Amino acid sequence: MKKILIISFTLISFSSLFLSASKNVNISDSQLNSISKKYGSSGKTRVEAWDAMLESSKNESLLNKIKNVNDFFNQITYKTDAAHWKQKDYWATPFEFMGTGAGDCEDYAIAKYFSLIKLGIPDDKLRITYVIYKKANSRFEQAHMVLTYYHKTGAEPVILDNINRKLELASKRDDLKPVYSFNASGLWQAKTKGDTRVGDNNLKSWKSLIDRF
């Protein structure tokens, strides 16, 4: 009888995930050993669950791929950079985010972006978007980041967010005001009648992130 591995995430309240005892596909043994040494068994377990989620999503519909990735990372604990990294602003790699089991808005967006790239979604359909989040029925505003998926150029994007965890079209998110967006190949400024590309992605935090991969 085939053995089934049941992984329970007690530290970050992950729902149980059932994995076959097959070898991880999206991360090497040496990377996994390094994560285990640096972040302990909990970090290793989260990365193994991520690998299993990607594998189970590969033959799913596009919408299910996006939903699975969004749901997976939204289970990780939110924590500000100041509290978590002792820095004003730190963009974590997906493995740092999963390894430590916490992060803030850009860490969710970054991890979702690279995971969907892994699932074969082209870079030009994905952007990490800096927005101003406005809380309903209040004057509260804060800087925020989400991932946006574009079915085609100029189309209305789908929002992947850690505040409102339901996948929504941008027109349904009147609590978000886009400012700029980027991916690996470019940088766009938000305009009333569509985004305008302003050049390559030369953001300092992005370059630092890529250097740590």
C-alpha atoms as a PDB file:
ATOM      1  CA  MET A   1       0.000   0.000   0.000  1.00  0.00           C
ATOM      2  CA  LYS A   2       1.441   3.327  -1.046  1.00  0.00           C
ATOM      3  CA  LYS A   3       2.511   5.464   1.869  1.00  0.00           C
ATOM      4  CA  ILE A   4       1.057   8.952   2.137  1.00  0.00           C
ATOM      5  CA  LEU A   5       2.853  11.756   3.906  1.00  0.00           C
ATOM      6  CA  ILE A   6       0.606  14.113   5.909  1.00  0.00           C
ATOM      7  CA  ILE A   7       2.173  17.514   6.569  1.00  0.00           C
ATOM      8  CA  SER A   8       0.655  19.739   9.238  1.00  0.00           C
ATOM      9  CA  PHE A   9       1.641  23.392   9.556  1.00  0.00           C
ATOM     10  CA  THR A  10       1.197  24.182  13.234  1.00  0.00           C
ATOM     11  CA  LEU A  11       3.394  27.297  13.269  1.00  0.00           C
ATOM     12  CA  ILE A  12       1.465  29.181  10.589  1.00  0.00           C
ATOM     13  CA  SER A  13      -1.886  27.415  10.682  1.00  0.00           C
ATOM     14  CA  PHE A  14      -1.537  25.712   7.327  1.00  0.00           C
ATOM     15  CA  SER A  15      -4.310  23.310   6.436  1.00  0.00           C
ATOM     16  CA  SER A  16      -3.165  19.702   6.117  1.00  0.00           C
ATOM     17  CA  LEU A  17      -1.580  18.858   2.791  1.00  0.00           C
ATOM     18  CA  PHE A  18      -1.229  15.312   1.505  1.00  0.00           C
ATOM     19  CA  LEU A  19       1.902  14.524  -0.451  1.00  0.00           C
ATOM     20  CA  SER A  20       3.138  11.343  -2.013  1.00  0.00           C
ATOM     21  CA  ALA A  21       6.584  10.280  -0.921  1.00  0.00           C
ATOM     22  CA  SER A  22       8.061  11.277  -4.290  1.00  0.00           C
ATOM     23  CA  LYS A  23      11.158  13.363  -4.770  1.00  0.00           C
ATOM     24  CA  ASN A  24      10.826  17.148  -4.808  1.00  0.00           C
ATOM     25  CA  VAL A  25      10.858  18.531  -8.338  1.00  0.00           C
ATOM     26  CA  ASN A  26      11.116  22.313  -8.077  1.00  0.00           C
ATOM     27  CA  ILE A  27      13.979  22.500  -5.610  1.00  0.00           C
ATOM     28  CA  SER A  28      17.250  20.608  -5.450  1.00  0.00           C
ATOM     29  CA  ASP A  29      18.315  18.433  -2.540  1.00  0.00           C
ATOM     30  CA  SER A  30      21.173  20.810  -1.780  1.00  0.00           C
ATOM     31  CA  GLN A  31      18.795  23.802  -1.678  1.00  0.00           C
ATOM     32  CA  LEU A  32      16.399  21.911   0.577  1.00  0.00           C
ATOM     33  CA  ASN A  33      19.215  20.885   2.922  1.00  0.00           C
ATOM     34  CA  SER A  34      20.380  24.490   3.069  1.00  0.00           C
ATOM     35  CA  ILE A  35      16.853  25.672   3.924  1.00  0.00           C
ATOM     36  CA  SER A  36      16.583  23.009   6.628  1.00  0.00           C
ATOM     37  CA  LYS A  37      19.869  24.107   8.217  1.00  0.00           C
ATOM     38  CA  LYS A  38      18.987  27.792   8.068  1.00  0.00           C
ATOM     39  CA  TYR A  39      15.278  27.736   8.979  1.00  0.00           C
ATOM     40  CA  GLY A  40      14.744  24.369  10.660  1.00  0.00           C
ATOM     41  CA  SER A  41      12.235  21.615   9.998  1.00  0.00           C
ATOM     42  CA  SER A  42       9.262  23.994   9.802  1.00  0.00           C
ATOM     43  CA  GLY A  43      10.851  25.987   6.997  1.00  0.00           C
ATOM     44  CA  LYS A  44      11.761  22.778   5.170  1.00  0.00           C
ATOM     45  CA  THR A  45       8.184  21.497   5.532  1.00  0.00           C
ATOM     46  CA  ARG A  46       6.730  24.696   4.071  1.00  0.00           C
ATOM     47  CA  VAL A  47       9.024  24.490   1.042  1.00  0.00           C
ATOM     48  CA  GLU A  48       8.177  20.822   0.507  1.00  0.00           C
ATOM     49  CA  ALA A  49       4.482  21.727   0.630  1.00  0.00           C
ATOM     50  CA  TRP A  50       5.098  24.509  -1.916  1.00  0.00           C
ATOM     51  CA  ASP A  51       6.792  21.994  -4.209  1.00  0.00           C
ATOM     52  CA  ALA A  52       3.822  19.626  -3.876  1.00  0.00           C
ATOM     53  CA  MET A  53       1.368  22.463  -4.570  1.00  0.00           C
ATOM     54  CA  LEU A  54       3.201  23.348  -7.778  1.00  0.00           C
ATOM     55  CA  GLU A  55       3.275  19.724  -8.916  1.00  0.00           C
ATOM     56  CA  SER A  56      -0.422  19.191  -8.232  1.00  0.00           C
ATOM     57  CA  SER A  57      -1.224  22.451 -10.073  1.00  0.00           C
ATOM     58  CA  LYS A  58       0.716  21.768 -13.277  1.00  0.00           C
ATOM     59  CA  ASN A  59      -2.176  20.064 -15.064  1.00  0.00           C
ATOM     60  CA  GLU A  60      -4.854  22.333 -13.622  1.00  0.00           C
ATOM     61  CA  SER A  61      -6.676  25.089 -15.499  1.00  0.00           C
ATOM     62  CA  LEU A  62      -5.111  28.536 -15.610  1.00  0.00           C
ATOM     63  CA  LEU A  63      -7.623  29.869 -13.077  1.00  0.00           C
ATOM     64  CA  ASN A  64      -6.904  27.011 -10.667  1.00  0.00           C
ATOM     65  CA  LYS A  65      -3.151  27.566 -10.985  1.00  0.00           C
ATOM     66  CA  ILE A  66      -3.626  31.208  -9.997  1.00  0.00           C
ATOM     67  CA  LYS A  67      -6.029  30.325  -7.191  1.00  0.00           C
ATOM     68  CA  ASN A  68      -3.805  27.562  -5.785  1.00  0.00           C
ATOM     69  CA  VAL A  69      -0.765  29.842  -5.652  1.00  0.00           C
ATOM     70  CA  ASN A  70      -2.758  32.723  -4.166  1.00  0.00           C
ATOM     71  CA  ASP A  71      -4.333  30.511  -1.492  1.00  0.00           C
ATOM     72  CA  PHE A  72      -1.062  28.790  -0.604  1.00  0.00           C
ATOM     73  CA  PHE A  73       0.922  31.923   0.164  1.00  0.00           C
ATOM     74  CA  ASN A  74      -1.974  33.721   1.842  1.00  0.00           C
ATOM     75  CA  GLN A  75      -1.735  31.160   4.647  1.00  0.00           C
ATOM     76  CA  ILE A  76       1.661  32.518   5.693  1.00  0.00           C
ATOM     77  CA  THR A  77       1.720  34.936   8.631  1.00  0.00           C
ATOM     78  CA  TYR A  78       1.833  38.675   7.921  1.00  0.00           C
ATOM     79  CA  LYS A  79       4.617  40.542   9.694  1.00  0.00           C
ATOM     80  CA  THR A  80       6.119  43.956   8.957  1.00  0.00           C
ATOM     81  CA  ASP A  81       9.720  44.309   7.804  1.00  0.00           C
ATOM     82  CA  ALA A  82      10.574  46.248  10.950  1.00  0.00           C
ATOM     83  CA  ALA A  83       9.317  43.440  13.190  1.00  0.00           C
ATOM     84  CA  HIS A  84      10.514  40.541  11.040  1.00  0.00           C
ATOM     85  CA  TRP A  85      13.762  41.705   9.438  1.00  0.00           C
ATOM     86  CA  LYS A  86      14.613  44.685  11.655  1.00  0.00           C
ATOM     87  CA  GLN A  87      14.743  46.791   8.495  1.00  0.00           C
ATOM     88  CA  LYS A  88      12.525  49.550   7.112  1.00  0.00           C
ATOM     89  CA  ASP A  89      12.080  47.778   3.773  1.00  0.00           C
ATOM     90  CA  TYR A  90      13.220  44.280   2.803  1.00  0.00           C
ATOM     91  CA  TRP A  91      12.077  42.273  -0.216  1.00  0.00           C
ATOM     92  CA  ALA A  92      12.424  38.591   0.678  1.00  0.00           C
ATOM     93  CA  THR A  93      13.028  35.811  -1.821  1.00  0.00           C
ATOM     94  CA  PRO A  94      10.294  33.145  -1.907  1.00  0.00           C
ATOM     95  CA  PHE A  95      12.553  30.755   0.035  1.00  0.00           C
ATOM     96  CA  GLU A  96      13.265  33.401   2.687  1.00  0.00           C
ATOM     97  CA  PHE A  97       9.527  34.063   2.938  1.00  0.00           C
ATOM     98  CA  MET A  98       8.640  30.376   3.239  1.00  0.00           C
ATOM     99  CA  GLY A  99      11.657  29.549   5.352  1.00  0.00           C
ATOM    100  CA  THR A 100      10.930  32.141   8.031  1.00  0.00           C
ATOM    101  CA  GLY A 101       7.168  31.664   7.769  1.00  0.00           C
ATOM    102  CA  ALA A 102       6.340  35.367   7.732  1.00  0.00           C
ATOM    103  CA  GLY A 103       6.561  38.487   5.598  1.00  0.00           C
ATOM    104  CA  ASP A 104       4.741  41.586   4.417  1.00  0.00           C
ATOM    105  CA  CYS A 105       2.794  42.528   1.297  1.00  0.00           C
ATOM    106  CA  GLU A 106       5.613  42.585  -1.243  1.00  0.00           C
ATOM    107  CA  ASP A 107       6.818  39.173  -0.042  1.00  0.00           C
ATOM    108  CA  TYR A 108       3.408  37.647  -0.845  1.00  0.00           C
ATOM    109  CA  ALA A 109       3.365  39.294  -4.281  1.00  0.00           C
ATOM    110  CA  ILE A 110       6.950  38.269  -5.098  1.00  0.00           C
ATOM    111  CA  ALA A 111       6.438  34.649  -4.033  1.00  0.00           C
ATOM    112  CA  LYS A 112       3.230  34.388  -6.067  1.00  0.00           C
ATOM    113  CA  TYR A 113       4.939  35.946  -9.099  1.00  0.00           C
ATOM    114  CA  PHE A 114       7.852  33.504  -9.180  1.00  0.00           C
ATOM    115  CA  SER A 115       5.591  30.528  -8.427  1.00  0.00           C
ATOM    116  CA  LEU A 116       3.322  31.319 -11.376  1.00  0.00           C
ATOM    117  CA  ILE A 117       6.398  31.719 -13.576  1.00  0.00           C
ATOM    118  CA  LYS A 118       7.333  28.186 -12.429  1.00  0.00           C
ATOM    119  CA  LEU A 119       3.894  27.032 -13.565  1.00  0.00           C
ATOM    120  CA  GLY A 120       4.547  28.345 -17.058  1.00  0.00           C
ATOM    121  CA  ILE A 121       2.683  31.641 -16.981  1.00  0.00           C
ATOM    122  CA  PRO A 122       4.641  34.144 -19.122  1.00  0.00           C
ATOM    123  CA  ASP A 123       6.352  37.080 -17.443  1.00  0.00           C
ATOM    124  CA  ASP A 124       4.511  39.575 -19.664  1.00  0.00           C
ATOM    125  CA  LYS A 125       1.178  38.491 -18.146  1.00  0.00           C
ATOM    126  CA  LEU A 126       2.307  39.178 -14.571  1.00  0.00           C
ATOM    127  CA  ARG A 127       3.191  42.375 -12.742  1.00  0.00           C
ATOM    128  CA  ILE A 128       3.900  43.205  -9.136  1.00  0.00           C
ATOM    129  CA  THR A 129       1.847  46.339  -8.544  1.00  0.00           C
ATOM    130  CA  TYR A 130       2.424  49.071  -5.977  1.00  0.00           C
ATOM    131  CA  VAL A 131      -0.910  50.508  -4.849  1.00  0.00           C
ATOM    132  CA  ILE A 132      -2.424  52.721  -2.200  1.00  0.00           C
ATOM    133  CA  TYR A 133      -4.850  50.702  -0.098  1.00  0.00           C
ATOM    134  CA  LYS A 134      -7.828  52.674   1.200  1.00  0.00           C
ATOM    135  CA  LYS A 135      -9.802  51.038   3.985  1.00  0.00           C
ATOM    136  CA  ALA A 136     -13.556  51.274   3.437  1.00  0.00           C
ATOM    137  CA  ASN A 137     -15.516  53.855   5.434  1.00  0.00           C
ATOM    138  CA  SER A 138     -12.402  55.428   6.923  1.00  0.00           C
ATOM    139  CA  ARG A 139      -9.558  57.803   6.141  1.00  0.00           C
ATOM    140  CA  PHE A 140      -7.020  55.025   6.567  1.00  0.00           C
ATOM    141  CA  GLU A 141      -4.549  54.665   3.688  1.00  0.00           C
ATOM    142  CA  GLN A 142      -1.324  52.703   3.361  1.00  0.00           C
ATOM    143  CA  ALA A 143       1.205  51.644   0.753  1.00  0.00           C
ATOM    144  CA  HIS A 144       0.585  48.084  -0.396  1.00  0.00           C
ATOM    145  CA  MET A 145       1.664  45.595  -3.073  1.00  0.00           C
ATOM    146  CA  VAL A 146      -0.330  43.001  -4.959  1.00  0.00           C
ATOM    147  CA  LEU A 147       0.273  40.698  -7.918  1.00  0.00           C
ATOM    148  CA  THR A 148      -1.719  41.366 -11.074  1.00  0.00           C
ATOM    149  CA  TYR A 149      -2.427  38.879 -13.877  1.00  0.00           C
ATOM    150  CA  TYR A 150      -3.261  40.121 -17.390  1.00  0.00           C
ATOM    151  CA  HIS A 151      -4.975  37.660 -19.752  1.00  0.00           C
ATOM    152  CA  LYS A 152      -3.777  39.807 -22.669  1.00  0.00           C
ATOM    153  CA  THR A 153      -2.166  43.190 -23.228  1.00  0.00           C
ATOM    154  CA  GLY A 154      -4.493  45.979 -22.187  1.00  0.00           C
ATOM    155  CA  ALA A 155      -6.947  43.647 -20.486  1.00  0.00           C
ATOM    156  CA  GLU A 156      -8.317  44.304 -17.032  1.00  0.00           C
ATOM    157  CA  PRO A 157      -6.082  42.424 -14.589  1.00  0.00           C
ATOM    158  CA  VAL A 158      -6.993  39.933 -11.888  1.00  0.00           C
ATOM    159  CA  ILE A 159      -5.738  40.923  -8.416  1.00  0.00           C
ATOM    160  CA  LEU A 160      -3.898  38.446  -6.167  1.00  0.00           C
ATOM    161  CA  ASP A 161      -3.859  40.028  -2.719  1.00  0.00           C
ATOM    162  CA  ASN A 162      -3.133  39.070   0.887  1.00  0.00           C
ATOM    163  CA  ILE A 163      -5.674  41.540   2.339  1.00  0.00           C
ATOM    164  CA  ASN A 164      -8.702  40.612   0.238  1.00  0.00           C
ATOM    165  CA  ARG A 165      -7.860  36.979  -0.426  1.00  0.00           C
ATOM    166  CA  LYS A 166     -10.526  36.444  -3.068  1.00  0.00           C
ATOM    167  CA  LEU A 167      -9.429  36.712  -6.698  1.00  0.00           C
ATOM    168  CA  GLU A 168     -11.026  39.889  -8.061  1.00  0.00           C
ATOM    169  CA  LEU A 169     -10.902  41.934 -11.249  1.00  0.00           C
ATOM    170  CA  ALA A 170      -9.252  45.322 -10.738  1.00  0.00           C
ATOM    171  CA  SER A 171     -12.586  47.091 -11.346  1.00  0.00           C
ATOM    172  CA  LYS A 172     -13.985  45.338  -8.261  1.00  0.00           C
ATOM    173  CA  ARG A 173     -11.187  46.659  -6.053  1.00  0.00           C
ATOM    174  CA  ASP A 174     -12.050  50.315  -5.578  1.00  0.00           C
ATOM    175  CA  ASP A 175     -10.053  50.160  -2.331  1.00  0.00           C
ATOM    176  CA  LEU A 176      -6.832  50.000  -4.372  1.00  0.00           C
ATOM    177  CA  LYS A 177      -5.284  52.887  -6.283  1.00  0.00           C
ATOM    178  CA  PRO A 178      -2.436  51.700  -8.572  1.00  0.00           C
ATOM    179  CA  VAL A 179       0.731  53.790  -8.672  1.00  0.00           C
ATOM    180  CA  TYR A 180       3.254  51.727 -10.632  1.00  0.00           C
ATOM    181  CA  SER A 181       3.910  48.113 -11.596  1.00  0.00           C
ATOM    182  CA  PHE A 182       6.849  45.991 -12.665  1.00  0.00           C
ATOM    183  CA  ASN A 183       8.066  42.550 -13.625  1.00  0.00           C
ATOM    184  CA  ALA A 184      11.452  41.166 -14.616  1.00  0.00           C
ATOM    185  CA  SER A 185      11.462  43.009 -17.917  1.00  0.00           C
ATOM    186  CA  GLY A 186       9.912  46.398 -17.309  1.00  0.00           C
ATOM    187  CA  LEU A 187       8.440  49.198 -15.206  1.00  0.00           C
ATOM    188  CA  TRP A 188       5.055  50.871 -15.781  1.00  0.00           C
ATOM    189  CA  GLN A 189       3.467  54.004 -14.368  1.00  0.00           C
ATOM    190  CA  ALA A 190      -0.271  53.818 -13.699  1.00  0.00           C
ATOM    191  CA  LYS A 191      -2.419  56.224 -15.723  1.00  0.00           C
ATOM    192  CA  THR A 192      -6.149  56.900 -15.760  1.00  0.00           C
ATOM    193  CA  LYS A 193      -6.478  55.392 -19.251  1.00  0.00           C
ATOM    194  CA  GLY A 194      -4.000  52.545 -18.906  1.00  0.00           C
ATOM    195  CA  ASP A 195      -0.414  52.023 -17.848  1.00  0.00           C
ATOM    196  CA  THR A 196       2.572  53.630 -19.545  1.00  0.00           C
ATOM    197  CA  ARG A 197       5.857  51.793 -19.781  1.00  0.00           C
ATOM    198  CA  VAL A 198       8.644  53.994 -18.451  1.00  0.00           C
ATOM    199  CA  GLY A 199      11.617  51.695 -19.014  1.00  0.00           C
ATOM    200  CA  ASP A 200      13.413  48.664 -17.663  1.00  0.00           C
ATOM    201  CA  ASN A 201      13.048  47.462 -14.104  1.00  0.00           C
ATOM    202  CA  ASN A 202      15.928  49.228 -12.381  1.00  0.00           C
ATOM    203  CA  LEU A 203      14.434  49.202  -8.889  1.00  0.00           C
ATOM    204  CA  LYS A 204      17.163  48.865  -6.270  1.00  0.00           C
ATOM    205  CA  SER A 205      15.130  46.485  -4.083  1.00  0.00           C
ATOM    206  CA  TRP A 206      14.436  44.238  -7.090  1.00  0.00           C
ATOM    207  CA  LYS A 207      18.123  44.019  -7.976  1.00  0.00           C
ATOM    208  CA  SER A 208      18.967  43.140  -4.387  1.00  0.00           C
ATOM    209  CA  LEU A 209      16.288  40.450  -4.418  1.00  0.00           C
ATOM    210  CA  ILE A 210      17.587  38.875  -7.639  1.00  0.00           C
ATOM    211  CA  ASP A 211      21.161  38.882  -6.297  1.00  0.00           C
ATOM    212  CA  ARG A 212      20.001  36.730  -3.350  1.00  0.00           C
ATOM    213  CA  PHE A 213      18.377  34.019  -5.478  1.00  0.00           C
END
